[in-house]
Amino acid sequence: MARPKKEDALDISRKAVEETIRLLGERDDFDVPLTAVAEAVGCTAPALYGHFRNKDALLRAVHDAGFRRLYEEKRARAKHFRADPLAYLRACSHAYAQFAFDNPTLYRLMFSPPPSLAVDQGPLSTDLGRSVLELVVKAIRACQKQGLLPGADPKRYAFTFWAAVHGAVSLALQNRAPDEKIRQDAALVVVDTLLEIIAATAPDRS
């Protein structure tokens, strides 16, 4: 295998993460050999080991990169709806669901990593995970400024909102929804239901 150019060698770490994400999608499991990653990157296996001491270290970097991607995709999708918190929540939630359906193995790695990755806390306890949840917290607070969800703890409600969407996405990915029609749009059905509940808390203006 040809040695990478000097400028490429400096970018091995980033490319290894990107190629591992691609290979995870192709293989549909976490068992991606470092030799396959090195070949995809265009470097030698020893060069890859210079950046990641083993496969678990690489998967941990991929795990973190997944949360960064999810955050950026949610923020990009929802940025046009900041003046409308319900539309913002809908856009963020749709982006979340689409990310999961487009990257099911990466999504599973993010939220159900193998014990060997030493991710011994919940995914939302890390800075990267919290950044994803914080988008929901901000939207809930914006809803409250418009009179919705009066008296609710925004962090508690945001977690409940996320848990419901995450549960629907996970069930859909496992083909566990009750029927085919719901299975196809499980997350979107849950999102719309949650938004209907929030909208119903609007103060009576009659």
Protein backbone atom coordinates (compact mmCIF):
# COMPACT_ATOMS: atom_id res chain seq x y z
CA MET A 1 0.00 0.00 0.00
CA ALA A 2 1.34 3.42 -0.93
CA ARG A 3 2.27 5.62 2.01
CA PRO A 4 0.01 8.64 2.46
CA LYS A 5 1.27 12.06 1.57
CA LYS A 6 2.50 14.18 4.45
CA GLU A 7 -0.58 16.40 4.43
CA ASP A 8 -2.83 13.31 4.40
CA ALA A 9 -0.93 11.73 7.28
CA LEU A 10 -1.77 14.75 9.42
CA ASP A 11 -5.48 14.05 8.80
CA ILE A 12 -5.50 10.32 9.50
CA SER A 13 -7.49 10.65 12.73
CA ARG A 14 -10.39 12.56 11.14
CA LYS A 15 -10.50 10.31 8.09
CA ALA A 16 -10.40 7.18 10.26
CA VAL A 17 -13.48 8.35 12.15
CA GLU A 18 -15.33 9.18 8.93
CA GLU A 19 -14.45 5.87 7.29
CA THR A 20 -15.38 3.92 10.40
CA ILE A 21 -18.80 5.57 10.41
CA ARG A 22 -19.20 4.54 6.76
CA LEU A 23 -18.05 0.99 7.47
CA LEU A 24 -20.37 0.71 10.47
CA GLY A 25 -23.26 1.44 8.14
CA GLU A 26 -22.12 -1.13 5.61
CA ARG A 27 -21.44 -3.91 8.13
CA ASP A 28 -24.40 -3.22 10.44
CA ASP A 29 -22.33 -4.09 13.52
CA PHE A 30 -19.45 -2.74 15.59
CA ASP A 31 -16.92 -5.34 14.45
CA VAL A 32 -14.93 -3.16 12.05
CA PRO A 33 -11.29 -4.36 11.78
CA LEU A 34 -8.65 -1.67 12.06
CA THR A 35 -7.03 -3.11 8.95
CA ALA A 36 -10.20 -2.33 6.99
CA VAL A 37 -10.23 1.21 8.36
CA ALA A 38 -6.55 1.70 7.48
CA GLU A 39 -7.17 0.50 3.95
CA ALA A 40 -10.14 2.85 3.58
CA VAL A 41 -8.11 5.77 4.89
CA GLY A 42 -5.14 4.92 2.68
CA CYS A 43 -2.59 4.43 5.43
CA THR A 44 -0.82 1.51 7.04
CA ALA A 45 -2.21 -0.21 10.12
CA PRO A 46 0.80 0.92 12.22
CA ALA A 47 0.10 4.52 11.18
CA LEU A 48 -3.49 4.12 12.37
CA TYR A 49 -2.31 2.67 15.67
CA GLY A 50 -0.33 5.85 16.11
CA HIS A 51 -3.64 7.68 16.47
CA PHE A 52 -5.81 5.00 18.11
CA ARG A 53 -4.23 2.44 20.43
CA ASN A 54 -6.95 -0.13 19.63
CA LYS A 55 -10.37 -0.55 18.06
CA ASP A 56 -12.17 0.51 21.23
CA ALA A 57 -10.33 3.84 21.20
CA LEU A 58 -11.41 4.39 17.60
CA LEU A 59 -15.02 3.45 18.36
CA ARG A 60 -15.02 5.85 21.31
CA ALA A 61 -13.93 8.63 18.95
CA VAL A 62 -16.70 7.59 16.55
CA HIS A 63 -19.19 7.57 19.43
CA ASP A 64 -18.27 11.18 20.26
CA ALA A 65 -18.30 12.22 16.59
CA GLY A 66 -21.82 10.83 16.30
CA PHE A 67 -23.09 13.22 18.96
CA ARG A 68 -21.34 16.15 17.29
CA ARG A 69 -22.98 15.26 13.97
CA LEU A 70 -26.39 14.85 15.57
CA TYR A 71 -26.09 18.23 17.30
CA GLU A 72 -25.07 20.00 14.10
CA GLU A 73 -27.82 18.36 12.04
CA LYS A 74 -30.49 19.26 14.59
CA ARG A 75 -29.26 22.83 14.83
CA ALA A 76 -29.03 23.24 11.06
CA ARG A 77 -32.54 21.86 10.49
CA ALA A 78 -34.16 23.98 13.19
CA LYS A 79 -32.36 27.32 12.81
CA HIS A 80 -35.11 28.77 10.59
CA PHE A 81 -37.81 28.18 13.23
CA ARG A 82 -36.36 29.92 16.28
CA ALA A 83 -39.26 32.38 16.42
CA ASP A 84 -41.74 29.48 16.59
CA PRO A 85 -40.78 27.09 19.41
CA LEU A 86 -43.27 24.39 18.44
CA ALA A 87 -41.99 24.38 14.85
CA TYR A 88 -38.46 24.40 16.26
CA LEU A 89 -39.21 21.33 18.38
CA ARG A 90 -40.76 19.60 15.38
CA ALA A 91 -37.77 20.37 13.14
CA CYS A 92 -35.26 19.28 15.79
CA SER A 93 -37.17 16.06 16.43
CA HIS A 94 -37.49 15.23 12.74
CA ALA A 95 -33.75 15.82 12.31
CA TYR A 96 -33.09 13.51 15.27
CA ALA A 97 -35.26 10.75 13.81
CA GLN A 98 -33.77 11.14 10.33
CA PHE A 99 -30.25 10.92 11.74
CA ALA A 100 -31.12 7.68 13.50
CA PHE A 101 -32.76 6.14 10.43
CA ASP A 102 -29.86 7.19 8.19
CA ASN A 103 -27.22 5.93 10.66
CA PRO A 104 -28.79 3.08 12.65
CA THR A 105 -25.52 1.38 13.65
CA LEU A 106 -23.87 4.66 14.63
CA TYR A 107 -27.00 5.58 16.59
CA ARG A 108 -26.84 2.26 18.43
CA LEU A 109 -23.16 2.83 19.18
CA MET A 110 -23.99 6.25 20.62
CA PHE A 111 -26.77 5.09 22.92
CA SER A 112 -25.94 1.41 23.54
CA PRO A 113 -22.13 1.21 23.30
CA PRO A 114 -20.34 -2.02 24.22
CA PRO A 115 -18.91 -2.10 27.78
CA SER A 116 -15.37 -2.14 26.41
CA LEU A 117 -15.72 1.50 25.35
CA ALA A 118 -15.80 2.49 29.03
CA VAL A 119 -18.74 4.81 28.48
CA ASP A 120 -19.94 4.14 31.99
CA GLN A 121 -22.39 7.03 32.21
CA GLY A 122 -25.56 7.73 30.28
CA PRO A 123 -25.12 9.34 26.85
CA LEU A 124 -26.76 12.56 28.03
CA SER A 125 -24.36 12.91 30.96
CA THR A 126 -21.46 13.90 28.69
CA ASP A 127 -20.87 17.40 27.33
CA LEU A 128 -21.63 16.17 23.82
CA GLY A 129 -24.82 14.42 24.87
CA ARG A 130 -25.96 17.37 26.96
CA SER A 131 -25.50 19.70 23.99
CA VAL A 132 -28.09 17.66 22.08
CA LEU A 133 -30.56 17.71 24.97
CA GLU A 134 -29.94 21.41 25.60
CA LEU A 135 -31.51 22.23 22.23
CA VAL A 136 -34.74 20.72 23.53
CA VAL A 137 -34.42 22.54 26.87
CA LYS A 138 -34.09 25.87 25.04
CA ALA A 139 -37.15 25.10 22.93
CA ILE A 140 -39.21 24.21 26.01
CA ARG A 141 -38.18 27.47 27.68
CA ALA A 142 -39.18 29.35 24.52
CA CYS A 143 -42.57 27.62 24.66
CA GLN A 144 -42.99 28.78 28.25
CA LYS A 145 -42.28 32.38 27.25
CA GLN A 146 -45.32 32.07 25.00
CA GLY A 147 -47.46 30.82 27.89
CA LEU A 148 -47.19 27.07 27.15
CA LEU A 149 -46.34 24.47 29.81
CA PRO A 150 -46.83 26.88 32.70
CA GLY A 151 -45.01 25.84 35.85
CA ALA A 152 -43.22 22.90 34.21
CA ASP A 153 -39.56 22.21 34.94
CA PRO A 154 -38.00 22.75 31.47
CA LYS A 155 -35.17 20.30 32.04
CA ARG A 156 -37.50 17.59 33.29
CA TYR A 157 -39.96 18.12 30.44
CA ALA A 158 -37.16 18.24 27.86
CA PHE A 159 -35.85 14.90 29.10
CA THR A 160 -39.36 13.43 28.95
CA PHE A 161 -39.79 14.77 25.41
CA TRP A 162 -36.43 13.34 24.31
CA ALA A 163 -37.11 9.99 26.00
CA ALA A 164 -40.40 9.62 24.14
CA VAL A 165 -38.86 10.44 20.75
CA HIS A 166 -35.82 8.24 21.42
CA GLY A 167 -38.08 5.38 22.46
CA ALA A 168 -40.17 5.69 19.31
CA VAL A 169 -37.06 5.81 17.13
CA SER A 170 -35.57 2.77 18.87
CA LEU A 171 -38.79 0.78 18.48
CA ALA A 172 -39.00 1.70 14.81
CA LEU A 173 -35.39 0.66 14.19
CA GLN A 174 -36.13 -2.69 15.82
CA ASN A 175 -39.40 -3.11 13.87
CA ARG A 176 -41.29 -3.24 17.16
CA ALA A 177 -44.05 -0.74 16.46
CA PRO A 178 -47.56 -2.24 16.71
CA ASP A 179 -48.38 -2.16 13.00
CA GLU A 180 -46.75 -1.36 9.69
CA LYS A 181 -48.39 2.04 9.24
CA ILE A 182 -47.23 3.25 12.65
CA ARG A 183 -43.84 1.59 12.24
CA GLN A 184 -42.99 3.66 9.19
CA ASP A 185 -43.65 6.98 10.91
CA ALA A 186 -43.42 6.01 14.57
CA ALA A 187 -41.17 8.85 15.63
CA LEU A 188 -43.15 11.45 13.69
CA VAL A 189 -46.43 10.24 15.23
CA VAL A 190 -44.92 10.58 18.70
CA VAL A 191 -43.51 14.04 17.92
CA ASP A 192 -46.86 15.29 16.63
CA THR A 193 -48.64 13.86 19.69
CA LEU A 194 -46.21 15.54 22.07
CA LEU A 195 -46.60 18.85 20.27
CA GLU A 196 -50.38 18.55 20.47
CA ILE A 197 -50.07 18.03 24.23
CA ILE A 198 -47.83 21.10 24.57
CA ALA A 199 -50.13 23.23 22.41
CA ALA A 200 -53.10 22.23 24.58
CA THR A 201 -51.46 23.90 27.58
CA ALA A 202 -51.85 27.35 26.02
CA PRO A 203 -53.69 29.77 28.27
CA ASP A 204 -57.36 30.30 27.49
CA ARG A 205 -57.53 33.59 25.66
CA SER A 206 -61.30 33.65 25.28
